[in-house]
């Protein structure tokens, strides 16, 4: 079977991803209506060329989802010549409706081992949820339950989370109900992939069995505060692109915020000497920032806390 269509479709998906990323509310700039229209028109031409050059029966799923994207652009692309608030509202509506079609295309490509980045739209509710959940977990670790309790707590939640994952994979109706329940804090790609919360509780379970409570707390703090800070700064001011849709500005923000919260937790709550706390905080934040940067196929709610724990644990072992 030829890989021509999946690879061409990957390039189209990447271009659509860039367009939808540039339409994010945090990145919106007035006066770009004509530019976006030109980019959509060029995308339409390329999609039609791929569809016409490949028999429908070959890679039917990718073909159907490309056709859906083309049809959606043709029917819903904003055509108003006006600028300002009217153009912004029209493009944001288009973007919100286009995102599910992009994620369907990305899911279809993954079936053929072709991976494209998932969209992570600006979501202030999710950012607030991240911070609130981190505070709740930190309170439990620091003040409420011991190591045995942490293992039981995270174990029960992990069994529940993975059980729901298995059930929603076998039932589209249940999947729709679960995603509707978590709709305000879920990313679009979680309709088709394992939920980030499932990966997070799995990471917490691993931490409870492998790390001292303080190291687990550092890992939770880094994910809970540095990740949303990096997302906010990266989407709004990120101009120097790195990999997987991340920016230099966002990655630096992650490292700085992660170091600050880890240092405050170790020096403030655990009386770790300031020099040691600073070194261990940086050792937690920098690997976690790299994990966030390079987590393409691996969910960063899993990779970030584990990377932070490894870095902090090694540093404390050497300098503690």
C-alpha atoms as a PDB file:
ATOM      1  CA  UNK A   1       0.000   0.000   0.000  1.00  0.00           C
ATOM      2  CA  UNK A   2       1.405   3.373  -1.017  1.00  0.00           C
ATOM      3  CA  UNK A   3       2.165   5.897   1.721  1.00  0.00           C
ATOM      4  CA  UNK A   4       1.796   8.829  -0.673  1.00  0.00           C
ATOM      5  CA  UNK A   5      -1.653   9.855   0.452  1.00  0.00           C
ATOM      6  CA  UNK A   6      -0.982   9.643   4.218  1.00  0.00           C
ATOM      7  CA  UNK A   7       2.213  11.660   3.841  1.00  0.00           C
ATOM      8  CA  UNK A   8       0.540  14.282   1.646  1.00  0.00           C
ATOM      9  CA  UNK A   9      -2.370  14.346   4.078  1.00  0.00           C
ATOM     10  CA  UNK A  10       0.079  14.847   6.939  1.00  0.00           C
ATOM     11  CA  UNK A  11       1.421  17.975   5.229  1.00  0.00           C
ATOM     12  CA  UNK A  12      -2.144  19.256   4.765  1.00  0.00           C
ATOM     13  CA  UNK A  13      -2.955  18.496   8.395  1.00  0.00           C
ATOM     14  CA  UNK A  14       0.153  20.356   9.548  1.00  0.00           C
ATOM     15  CA  UNK A  15      -0.839  23.390   7.491  1.00  0.00           C
ATOM     16  CA  UNK A  16      -4.357  23.267   8.934  1.00  0.00           C
ATOM     17  CA  UNK A  17      -2.853  22.926  12.417  1.00  0.00           C
ATOM     18  CA  UNK A  18      -0.765  26.070  11.858  1.00  0.00           C
ATOM     19  CA  UNK A  19      -3.805  27.971  10.639  1.00  0.00           C
ATOM     20  CA  UNK A  20      -5.970  26.945  13.587  1.00  0.00           C
ATOM     21  CA  UNK A  21      -3.125  27.736  15.966  1.00  0.00           C
ATOM     22  CA  UNK A  22      -2.806  31.239  14.476  1.00  0.00           C
ATOM     23  CA  UNK A  23      -6.570  31.705  14.891  1.00  0.00           C
ATOM     24  CA  UNK A  24      -6.355  30.970  18.621  1.00  0.00           C
ATOM     25  CA  UNK A  25      -7.933  33.849  20.597  1.00  0.00           C
ATOM     26  CA  UNK A  26      -4.657  34.450  22.431  1.00  0.00           C
ATOM     27  CA  UNK A  27      -2.834  34.948  19.112  1.00  0.00           C
ATOM     28  CA  UNK A  28      -5.494  36.879  17.198  1.00  0.00           C
ATOM     29  CA  UNK A  29      -4.388  40.012  15.361  1.00  0.00           C
ATOM     30  CA  UNK A  30      -6.744  42.403  13.571  1.00  0.00           C
ATOM     31  CA  UNK A  31      -6.264  42.989   9.870  1.00  0.00           C
ATOM     32  CA  UNK A  32      -5.445  39.389   8.917  1.00  0.00           C
ATOM     33  CA  UNK A  33      -8.822  38.478   7.406  1.00  0.00           C
ATOM     34  CA  UNK A  34      -7.478  38.501   3.813  1.00  0.00           C
ATOM     35  CA  UNK A  35      -4.393  36.515   4.793  1.00  0.00           C
ATOM     36  CA  UNK A  36      -6.471  33.808   6.448  1.00  0.00           C
ATOM     37  CA  UNK A  37      -8.768  33.654   3.415  1.00  0.00           C
ATOM     38  CA  UNK A  38      -5.768  33.181   1.125  1.00  0.00           C
ATOM     39  CA  UNK A  39      -4.370  30.436   3.338  1.00  0.00           C
ATOM     40  CA  UNK A  40      -7.714  28.629   3.340  1.00  0.00           C
ATOM     41  CA  UNK A  41      -8.020  28.939  -0.433  1.00  0.00           C
ATOM     42  CA  UNK A  42      -4.540  27.485  -0.909  1.00  0.00           C
ATOM     43  CA  UNK A  43      -5.363  24.652   1.482  1.00  0.00           C
ATOM     44  CA  UNK A  44      -8.549  23.896  -0.444  1.00  0.00           C
ATOM     45  CA  UNK A  45      -6.643  23.623  -3.724  1.00  0.00           C
ATOM     46  CA  UNK A  46      -4.096  21.236  -2.211  1.00  0.00           C
ATOM     47  CA  UNK A  47      -6.789  19.076  -0.604  1.00  0.00           C
ATOM     48  CA  UNK A  48      -8.674  18.775  -3.881  1.00  0.00           C
ATOM     49  CA  UNK A  49      -5.480  17.807  -5.702  1.00  0.00           C
ATOM     50  CA  UNK A  50      -4.815  14.992  -3.210  1.00  0.00           C
ATOM     51  CA  UNK A  51      -8.410  13.766  -3.327  1.00  0.00           C
ATOM     52  CA  UNK A  52      -8.471  13.729  -7.128  1.00  0.00           C
ATOM     53  CA  UNK A  53      -5.127  11.957  -7.440  1.00  0.00           C
ATOM     54  CA  UNK A  54      -5.972   9.091  -5.083  1.00  0.00           C
ATOM     55  CA  UNK A  55      -8.706   6.456  -5.631  1.00  0.00           C
ATOM     56  CA  UNK A  56     -11.437   6.723  -3.010  1.00  0.00           C
ATOM     57  CA  UNK A  57     -11.160   3.066  -2.075  1.00  0.00           C
ATOM     58  CA  UNK A  58      -7.520   3.510  -1.021  1.00  0.00           C
ATOM     59  CA  UNK A  59      -7.208   4.639   2.580  1.00  0.00           C
ATOM     60  CA  UNK A  60     -10.927   5.371   2.684  1.00  0.00           C
ATOM     61  CA  UNK A  61     -10.880   6.787   6.229  1.00  0.00           C
ATOM     62  CA  UNK A  62      -8.277   9.444   5.443  1.00  0.00           C
ATOM     63  CA  UNK A  63      -9.998  10.199   2.131  1.00  0.00           C
ATOM     64  CA  UNK A  64     -13.366  10.703   3.867  1.00  0.00           C
ATOM     65  CA  UNK A  65     -11.924  12.966   6.549  1.00  0.00           C
ATOM     66  CA  UNK A  66     -10.042  15.096   4.032  1.00  0.00           C
ATOM     67  CA  UNK A  67     -13.277  15.417   2.092  1.00  0.00           C
ATOM     68  CA  UNK A  68     -15.044  16.508   5.282  1.00  0.00           C
ATOM     69  CA  UNK A  69     -12.400  19.180   5.916  1.00  0.00           C
ATOM     70  CA  UNK A  70     -12.718  20.462   2.344  1.00  0.00           C
ATOM     71  CA  UNK A  71     -16.501  20.554   2.538  1.00  0.00           C
ATOM     72  CA  UNK A  72     -16.416  22.368   5.869  1.00  0.00           C
ATOM     73  CA  UNK A  73     -14.012  25.031   4.575  1.00  0.00           C
ATOM     74  CA  UNK A  74     -16.147  25.548   1.484  1.00  0.00           C
ATOM     75  CA  UNK A  75     -19.361  25.944   3.479  1.00  0.00           C
ATOM     76  CA  UNK A  76     -18.196  27.798   6.586  1.00  0.00           C
ATOM     77  CA  UNK A  77     -15.113  29.869   5.796  1.00  0.00           C
ATOM     78  CA  UNK A  78     -15.806  33.511   6.823  1.00  0.00           C
ATOM     79  CA  UNK A  79     -16.489  35.687   3.811  1.00  0.00           C
ATOM     80  CA  UNK A  80     -17.321  38.983   5.477  1.00  0.00           C
ATOM     81  CA  UNK A  81     -15.033  41.804   4.258  1.00  0.00           C
ATOM     82  CA  UNK A  82     -15.397  43.670   7.519  1.00  0.00           C
ATOM     83  CA  UNK A  83     -12.707  43.823  10.172  1.00  0.00           C
ATOM     84  CA  UNK A  84     -12.595  44.379  13.882  1.00  0.00           C
ATOM     85  CA  UNK A  85     -14.934  42.560  16.229  1.00  0.00           C
ATOM     86  CA  UNK A  86     -17.101  41.166  13.415  1.00  0.00           C
ATOM     87  CA  UNK A  87     -14.182  39.464  11.673  1.00  0.00           C
ATOM     88  CA  UNK A  88     -12.787  38.191  14.971  1.00  0.00           C
ATOM     89  CA  UNK A  89     -16.136  36.650  15.950  1.00  0.00           C
ATOM     90  CA  UNK A  90     -16.562  35.035  12.518  1.00  0.00           C
ATOM     91  CA  UNK A  91     -13.088  33.492  12.535  1.00  0.00           C
ATOM     92  CA  UNK A  92     -13.361  32.279  16.115  1.00  0.00           C
ATOM     93  CA  UNK A  93     -16.668  30.578  15.306  1.00  0.00           C
ATOM     94  CA  UNK A  94     -15.068  28.964  12.264  1.00  0.00           C
ATOM     95  CA  UNK A  95     -12.115  27.822  14.346  1.00  0.00           C
ATOM     96  CA  UNK A  96     -14.258  26.248  17.069  1.00  0.00           C
ATOM     97  CA  UNK A  97     -16.230  24.290  14.487  1.00  0.00           C
ATOM     98  CA  UNK A  98     -13.152  23.341  12.472  1.00  0.00           C
ATOM     99  CA  UNK A  99     -11.194  21.861  15.397  1.00  0.00           C
ATOM    100  CA  UNK A 100     -13.221  18.604  15.619  1.00  0.00           C
ATOM    101  CA  UNK A 101     -12.731  18.021  11.883  1.00  0.00           C
ATOM    102  CA  UNK A 102      -8.981  18.480  12.301  1.00  0.00           C
ATOM    103  CA  UNK A 103      -8.892  16.037  15.211  1.00  0.00           C
ATOM    104  CA  UNK A 104     -10.876  13.496  13.174  1.00  0.00           C
ATOM    105  CA  UNK A 105      -8.307  13.827  10.387  1.00  0.00           C
ATOM    106  CA  UNK A 106      -5.449  13.458  12.886  1.00  0.00           C
ATOM    107  CA  UNK A 107      -7.095  10.322  14.331  1.00  0.00           C
ATOM    108  CA  UNK A 108      -7.471   8.877  10.830  1.00  0.00           C
ATOM    109  CA  UNK A 109      -3.807   9.506  10.059  1.00  0.00           C
ATOM    110  CA  UNK A 110      -2.733   7.864  13.313  1.00  0.00           C
ATOM    111  CA  UNK A 111      -4.471   4.697  12.126  1.00  0.00           C
ATOM    112  CA  UNK A 112      -1.804   4.595   9.394  1.00  0.00           C
ATOM    113  CA  UNK A 113       1.097   5.382  11.772  1.00  0.00           C
ATOM    114  CA  UNK A 114       1.252   8.999  10.592  1.00  0.00           C
ATOM    115  CA  UNK A 115       1.320  11.378  13.541  1.00  0.00           C
ATOM    116  CA  UNK A 116       0.476  15.068  13.586  1.00  0.00           C
ATOM    117  CA  UNK A 117       0.277  17.313  16.671  1.00  0.00           C
ATOM    118  CA  UNK A 118      -2.957  17.663  18.588  1.00  0.00           C
ATOM    119  CA  UNK A 119      -4.480  21.084  19.053  1.00  0.00           C
ATOM    120  CA  UNK A 120      -4.282  22.680  22.470  1.00  0.00           C
ATOM    121  CA  UNK A 121      -6.547  25.708  22.272  1.00  0.00           C
ATOM    122  CA  UNK A 122      -6.490  28.491  24.839  1.00  0.00           C
ATOM    123  CA  UNK A 123      -8.669  27.215  27.666  1.00  0.00           C
ATOM    124  CA  UNK A 124      -8.683  29.320  30.816  1.00  0.00           C
ATOM    125  CA  UNK A 125     -11.061  26.903  32.534  1.00  0.00           C
ATOM    126  CA  UNK A 126      -8.551  24.102  31.981  1.00  0.00           C
ATOM    127  CA  UNK A 127      -5.712  26.284  33.300  1.00  0.00           C
ATOM    128  CA  UNK A 128      -7.709  27.046  36.438  1.00  0.00           C
ATOM    129  CA  UNK A 129      -8.558  23.353  36.803  1.00  0.00           C
ATOM    130  CA  UNK A 130      -4.847  22.494  36.531  1.00  0.00           C
ATOM    131  CA  UNK A 131      -3.919  24.869  39.346  1.00  0.00           C
ATOM    132  CA  UNK A 132      -6.882  23.939  41.556  1.00  0.00           C
ATOM    133  CA  UNK A 133      -6.238  20.219  41.197  1.00  0.00           C
ATOM    134  CA  UNK A 134      -2.546  20.727  41.964  1.00  0.00           C
ATOM    135  CA  UNK A 135      -3.409  22.627  45.137  1.00  0.00           C
ATOM    136  CA  UNK A 136      -5.817  19.886  46.227  1.00  0.00           C
ATOM    137  CA  UNK A 137      -3.291  17.095  45.607  1.00  0.00           C
ATOM    138  CA  UNK A 138      -0.527  19.050  47.346  1.00  0.00           C
ATOM    139  CA  UNK A 139      -2.768  19.525  50.375  1.00  0.00           C
ATOM    140  CA  UNK A 140      -3.456  15.789  50.510  1.00  0.00           C
ATOM    141  CA  UNK A 141       0.228  14.876  50.196  1.00  0.00           C
ATOM    142  CA  UNK A 142       1.481  17.465  52.663  1.00  0.00           C
ATOM    143  CA  UNK A 143      -1.224  17.480  55.309  1.00  0.00           C
ATOM    144  CA  UNK A 144      -3.776  14.665  55.042  1.00  0.00           C
ATOM    145  CA  UNK A 145      -2.639  11.207  53.972  1.00  0.00           C
ATOM    146  CA  UNK A 146       0.550   9.213  54.475  1.00  0.00           C
ATOM    147  CA  UNK A 147       2.406   7.204  51.837  1.00  0.00           C
ATOM    148  CA  UNK A 148       0.160   4.165  52.254  1.00  0.00           C
ATOM    149  CA  UNK A 149      -2.912   6.355  51.893  1.00  0.00           C
ATOM    150  CA  UNK A 150      -1.471   7.962  48.768  1.00  0.00           C
ATOM    151  CA  UNK A 151      -0.948   4.546  47.207  1.00  0.00           C
ATOM    152  CA  UNK A 152      -4.499   3.448  47.963  1.00  0.00           C
ATOM    153  CA  UNK A 153      -5.962   6.784  46.838  1.00  0.00           C
ATOM    154  CA  UNK A 154      -4.126   6.909  43.527  1.00  0.00           C
ATOM    155  CA  UNK A 155      -4.606   3.184  42.940  1.00  0.00           C
ATOM    156  CA  UNK A 156      -8.380   3.408  43.254  1.00  0.00           C
ATOM    157  CA  UNK A 157      -8.535   6.414  40.954  1.00  0.00           C
ATOM    158  CA  UNK A 158      -6.223   4.774  38.416  1.00  0.00           C
ATOM    159  CA  UNK A 159      -8.430   1.676  38.259  1.00  0.00           C
ATOM    160  CA  UNK A 160     -11.491   3.884  37.832  1.00  0.00           C
ATOM    161  CA  UNK A 161      -9.839   6.039  35.140  1.00  0.00           C
ATOM    162  CA  UNK A 162      -8.546   3.140  33.061  1.00  0.00           C
ATOM    163  CA  UNK A 163     -11.884   1.347  33.435  1.00  0.00           C
ATOM    164  CA  UNK A 164     -13.685   4.372  32.014  1.00  0.00           C
ATOM    165  CA  UNK A 165     -11.142   4.541  29.183  1.00  0.00           C
ATOM    166  CA  UNK A 166     -11.827   0.924  28.245  1.00  0.00           C
ATOM    167  CA  UNK A 167     -15.587   1.416  28.362  1.00  0.00           C
ATOM    168  CA  UNK A 168     -15.666   4.623  26.340  1.00  0.00           C
ATOM    169  CA  UNK A 169     -13.519   3.036  23.637  1.00  0.00           C
ATOM    170  CA  UNK A 170     -16.183   0.371  23.207  1.00  0.00           C
ATOM    171  CA  UNK A 171     -19.158   2.748  23.436  1.00  0.00           C
ATOM    172  CA  UNK A 172     -19.335   5.957  21.363  1.00  0.00           C
ATOM    173  CA  UNK A 173     -22.382   7.001  23.387  1.00  0.00           C
ATOM    174  CA  UNK A 174     -20.507   6.699  26.679  1.00  0.00           C
ATOM    175  CA  UNK A 175     -17.540   8.508  25.163  1.00  0.00           C
ATOM    176  CA  UNK A 176     -19.815  11.401  24.200  1.00  0.00           C
ATOM    177  CA  UNK A 177     -21.278  11.502  27.720  1.00  0.00           C
ATOM    178  CA  UNK A 178     -17.847  11.485  29.377  1.00  0.00           C
ATOM    179  CA  UNK A 179     -16.498  14.203  27.091  1.00  0.00           C
ATOM    180  CA  UNK A 180     -19.603  16.301  27.620  1.00  0.00           C
ATOM    181  CA  UNK A 181     -19.098  16.000  31.371  1.00  0.00           C
ATOM    182  CA  UNK A 182     -15.496  17.192  31.100  1.00  0.00           C
ATOM    183  CA  UNK A 183     -16.099  19.363  28.041  1.00  0.00           C
ATOM    184  CA  UNK A 184     -14.973  22.678  29.526  1.00  0.00           C
ATOM    185  CA  UNK A 185     -11.590  21.356  30.649  1.00  0.00           C
ATOM    186  CA  UNK A 186     -10.893  18.753  27.961  1.00  0.00           C
ATOM    187  CA  UNK A 187      -8.763  19.220  24.867  1.00  0.00           C
ATOM    188  CA  UNK A 188     -10.406  18.276  21.537  1.00  0.00           C
ATOM    189  CA  UNK A 189      -7.997  15.394  20.901  1.00  0.00           C
ATOM    190  CA  UNK A 190      -9.182  13.661  24.077  1.00  0.00           C
ATOM    191  CA  UNK A 191     -12.317  12.588  22.205  1.00  0.00           C
ATOM    192  CA  UNK A 192     -10.095  10.136  20.321  1.00  0.00           C
ATOM    193  CA  UNK A 193      -7.224   9.492  22.714  1.00  0.00           C
ATOM    194  CA  UNK A 194      -6.669   8.553  26.340  1.00  0.00           C
ATOM    195  CA  UNK A 195      -7.733  11.396  28.599  1.00  0.00           C
ATOM    196  CA  UNK A 196      -4.966  13.517  30.129  1.00  0.00           C
ATOM    197  CA  UNK A 197      -6.492  13.006  33.581  1.00  0.00           C
ATOM    198  CA  UNK A 198      -5.981   9.251  33.199  1.00  0.00           C
ATOM    199  CA  UNK A 199      -2.302   9.762  32.420  1.00  0.00           C
ATOM    200  CA  UNK A 200      -2.018  12.186  35.344  1.00  0.00           C
ATOM    201  CA  UNK A 201      -3.434   9.809  37.939  1.00  0.00           C
ATOM    202  CA  UNK A 202      -1.217   7.046  36.513  1.00  0.00           C
ATOM    203  CA  UNK A 203       1.818   9.263  37.054  1.00  0.00           C
ATOM    204  CA  UNK A 204       0.651   9.970  40.615  1.00  0.00           C
ATOM    205  CA  UNK A 205       0.351   6.226  41.259  1.00  0.00           C
ATOM    206  CA  UNK A 206       3.918   5.647  40.051  1.00  0.00           C
ATOM    207  CA  UNK A 207       5.186   8.544  42.168  1.00  0.00           C
ATOM    208  CA  UNK A 208       3.465   7.209  45.289  1.00  0.00           C
ATOM    209  CA  UNK A 209       5.341   3.913  44.964  1.00  0.00           C
ATOM    210  CA  UNK A 210       8.744   5.268  43.933  1.00  0.00           C
ATOM    211  CA  UNK A 211       9.304   8.684  45.542  1.00  0.00           C
ATOM    212  CA  UNK A 212       9.352  10.319  48.952  1.00  0.00           C
ATOM    213  CA  UNK A 213       6.320  12.541  49.543  1.00  0.00           C
ATOM    214  CA  UNK A 214       8.316  15.768  49.121  1.00  0.00           C
ATOM    215  CA  UNK A 215       9.549  14.709  45.681  1.00  0.00           C
ATOM    216  CA  UNK A 216       6.013  13.734  44.689  1.00  0.00           C
ATOM    217  CA  UNK A 217       4.827  17.151  45.852  1.00  0.00           C
ATOM    218  CA  UNK A 218       7.488  18.874  43.744  1.00  0.00           C
ATOM    219  CA  UNK A 219       6.372  16.904  40.690  1.00  0.00           C
ATOM    220  CA  UNK A 220       2.732  17.871  41.284  1.00  0.00           C
ATOM    221  CA  UNK A 221       3.647  21.540  41.784  1.00  0.00           C
ATOM    222  CA  UNK A 222       5.709  21.699  38.595  1.00  0.00           C
ATOM    223  CA  UNK A 223       2.915  20.247  36.487  1.00  0.00           C
ATOM    224  CA  UNK A 224       0.165  22.208  38.205  1.00  0.00           C
ATOM    225  CA  UNK A 225       1.750  25.654  37.964  1.00  0.00           C
ATOM    226  CA  UNK A 226       4.469  25.639  35.312  1.00  0.00           C
ATOM    227  CA  UNK A 227       2.466  23.891  32.598  1.00  0.00           C
ATOM    228  CA  UNK A 228      -0.494  26.327  32.528  1.00  0.00           C
ATOM    229  CA  UNK A 229       1.877  29.307  32.855  1.00  0.00           C
ATOM    230  CA  UNK A 230       3.846  28.095  29.838  1.00  0.00           C
ATOM    231  CA  UNK A 231       0.625  27.580  27.880  1.00  0.00           C
ATOM    232  CA  UNK A 232      -0.613  31.102  28.598  1.00  0.00           C
ATOM    233  CA  UNK A 233       2.676  32.809  27.760  1.00  0.00           C
ATOM    234  CA  UNK A 234       3.476  30.584  24.808  1.00  0.00           C
ATOM    235  CA  UNK A 235       0.135  31.087  23.081  1.00  0.00           C
ATOM    236  CA  UNK A 236       0.050  34.821  23.682  1.00  0.00           C
ATOM    237  CA  UNK A 237       3.678  35.821  23.154  1.00  0.00           C
ATOM    238  CA  UNK A 238       5.387  32.750  21.720  1.00  0.00           C
ATOM    239  CA  UNK A 239       7.143  33.844  18.524  1.00  0.00           C
ATOM    240  CA  UNK A 240      10.181  31.559  18.372  1.00  0.00           C
ATOM    241  CA  UNK A 241       8.856  28.116  17.494  1.00  0.00           C
ATOM    242  CA  UNK A 242      10.578  24.977  18.682  1.00  0.00           C
ATOM    243  CA  UNK A 243       8.897  21.551  18.275  1.00  0.00           C
ATOM    244  CA  UNK A 244       5.434  20.038  18.793  1.00  0.00           C
ATOM    245  CA  UNK A 245       3.784  23.459  18.645  1.00  0.00           C
ATOM    246  CA  UNK A 246       5.793  24.760  21.606  1.00  0.00           C
ATOM    247  CA  UNK A 247       7.719  28.032  21.709  1.00  0.00           C
ATOM    248  CA  UNK A 248      10.951  29.215  23.289  1.00  0.00           C
ATOM    249  CA  UNK A 249       9.010  31.764  25.332  1.00  0.00           C
ATOM    250  CA  UNK A 250       6.659  29.120  26.711  1.00  0.00           C
ATOM    251  CA  UNK A 251       9.478  26.690  27.518  1.00  0.00           C
ATOM    252  CA  UNK A 252      11.481  29.354  29.364  1.00  0.00           C
ATOM    253  CA  UNK A 253       8.364  30.330  31.308  1.00  0.00           C
ATOM    254  CA  UNK A 254       7.897  26.687  32.273  1.00  0.00           C
ATOM    255  CA  UNK A 255      11.461  26.415  33.563  1.00  0.00           C
ATOM    256  CA  UNK A 256      11.290  29.663  35.554  1.00  0.00           C
ATOM    257  CA  UNK A 257       7.871  29.014  37.114  1.00  0.00           C
ATOM    258  CA  UNK A 258       8.716  25.371  37.809  1.00  0.00           C
ATOM    259  CA  UNK A 259      11.929  26.362  39.548  1.00  0.00           C
ATOM    260  CA  UNK A 260      10.157  29.039  41.602  1.00  0.00           C
ATOM    261  CA  UNK A 261       7.328  26.833  42.884  1.00  0.00           C
ATOM    262  CA  UNK A 262       9.648  23.899  43.587  1.00  0.00           C
ATOM    263  CA  UNK A 263      12.059  26.128  45.481  1.00  0.00           C
ATOM    264  CA  UNK A 264       9.223  27.629  47.524  1.00  0.00           C
ATOM    265  CA  UNK A 265       7.856  24.211  48.399  1.00  0.00           C
ATOM    266  CA  UNK A 266      11.184  22.691  49.446  1.00  0.00           C
ATOM    267  CA  UNK A 267      12.642  25.715  51.236  1.00  0.00           C
ATOM    268  CA  UNK A 268       9.367  26.982  52.678  1.00  0.00           C
ATOM    269  CA  UNK A 269       7.479  23.846  53.695  1.00  0.00           C
ATOM    270  CA  UNK A 270      10.324  21.357  54.173  1.00  0.00           C
ATOM    271  CA  UNK A 271      13.148  23.593  55.405  1.00  0.00           C
ATOM    272  CA  UNK A 272      15.585  22.310  52.773  1.00  0.00           C
ATOM    273  CA  UNK A 273      18.680  24.569  52.801  1.00  0.00           C
ATOM    274  CA  UNK A 274      18.240  27.355  50.264  1.00  0.00           C
ATOM    275  CA  UNK A 275      21.194  26.402  48.088  1.00  0.00           C
ATOM    276  CA  UNK A 276      20.149  22.772  47.923  1.00  0.00           C
ATOM    277  CA  UNK A 277      16.516  23.730  47.361  1.00  0.00           C
ATOM    278  CA  UNK A 278      17.448  26.006  44.454  1.00  0.00           C
ATOM    279  CA  UNK A 279      19.600  23.354  42.776  1.00  0.00           C
ATOM    280  CA  UNK A 280      16.977  20.657  43.257  1.00  0.00           C
ATOM    281  CA  UNK A 281      14.226  22.991  42.034  1.00  0.00           C
ATOM    282  CA  UNK A 282      16.110  23.709  38.824  1.00  0.00           C
ATOM    283  CA  UNK A 283      16.913  20.006  38.462  1.00  0.00           C
ATOM    284  CA  UNK A 284      13.176  19.296  38.641  1.00  0.00           C
ATOM    285  CA  UNK A 285      11.990  22.138  36.403  1.00  0.00           C
ATOM    286  CA  UNK A 286      14.445  21.873  33.517  1.00  0.00           C
ATOM    287  CA  UNK A 287      13.897  18.150  32.716  1.00  0.00           C
ATOM    288  CA  UNK A 288      10.158  18.715  33.120  1.00  0.00           C
ATOM    289  CA  UNK A 289      10.318  21.628  30.662  1.00  0.00           C
ATOM    290  CA  UNK A 290      12.144  19.387  28.195  1.00  0.00           C
ATOM    291  CA  UNK A 291       9.586  16.646  28.744  1.00  0.00           C
ATOM    292  CA  UNK A 292       6.803  19.144  27.985  1.00  0.00           C
ATOM    293  CA  UNK A 293       8.665  20.313  24.883  1.00  0.00           C
ATOM    294  CA  UNK A 294       9.262  16.866  23.400  1.00  0.00           C
ATOM    295  CA  UNK A 295       6.070  15.114  24.522  1.00  0.00           C
ATOM    296  CA  UNK A 296       4.440  14.545  21.166  1.00  0.00           C
ATOM    297  CA  UNK A 297       2.956  11.077  21.300  1.00  0.00           C
ATOM    298  CA  UNK A 298       3.298  10.798  25.089  1.00  0.00           C
ATOM    299  CA  UNK A 299       0.841  12.864  27.134  1.00  0.00           C
ATOM    300  CA  UNK A 300       2.725  15.545  29.054  1.00  0.00           C
ATOM    301  CA  UNK A 301       0.504  15.065  32.112  1.00  0.00           C
ATOM    302  CA  UNK A 302       2.357  11.763  32.425  1.00  0.00           C
ATOM    303  CA  UNK A 303       5.862  12.748  31.310  1.00  0.00           C
ATOM    304  CA  UNK A 304       6.170  16.079  33.151  1.00  0.00           C
ATOM    305  CA  UNK A 305       5.676  14.877  36.753  1.00  0.00           C
ATOM    306  CA  UNK A 306       7.872  11.832  36.214  1.00  0.00           C
ATOM    307  CA  UNK A 307      10.659  13.932  34.695  1.00  0.00           C
ATOM    308  CA  UNK A 308      10.393  16.457  37.528  1.00  0.00           C
ATOM    309  CA  UNK A 309      10.528  13.692  40.138  1.00  0.00           C
ATOM    310  CA  UNK A 310      13.578  12.070  38.573  1.00  0.00           C
ATOM    311  CA  UNK A 311      15.409  15.395  38.387  1.00  0.00           C
ATOM    312  CA  UNK A 312      14.543  16.444  41.931  1.00  0.00           C
ATOM    313  CA  UNK A 313      15.259  12.994  43.353  1.00  0.00           C
ATOM    314  CA  UNK A 314      18.696  12.784  41.751  1.00  0.00           C
ATOM    315  CA  UNK A 315      19.602  16.314  42.825  1.00  0.00           C
ATOM    316  CA  UNK A 316      18.547  15.742  46.413  1.00  0.00           C
ATOM    317  CA  UNK A 317      20.451  12.462  46.428  1.00  0.00           C
ATOM    318  CA  UNK A 318      23.638  14.240  45.325  1.00  0.00           C
ATOM    319  CA  UNK A 319      23.348  17.537  47.238  1.00  0.00           C
ATOM    320  CA  UNK A 320      20.857  16.691  49.972  1.00  0.00           C
END
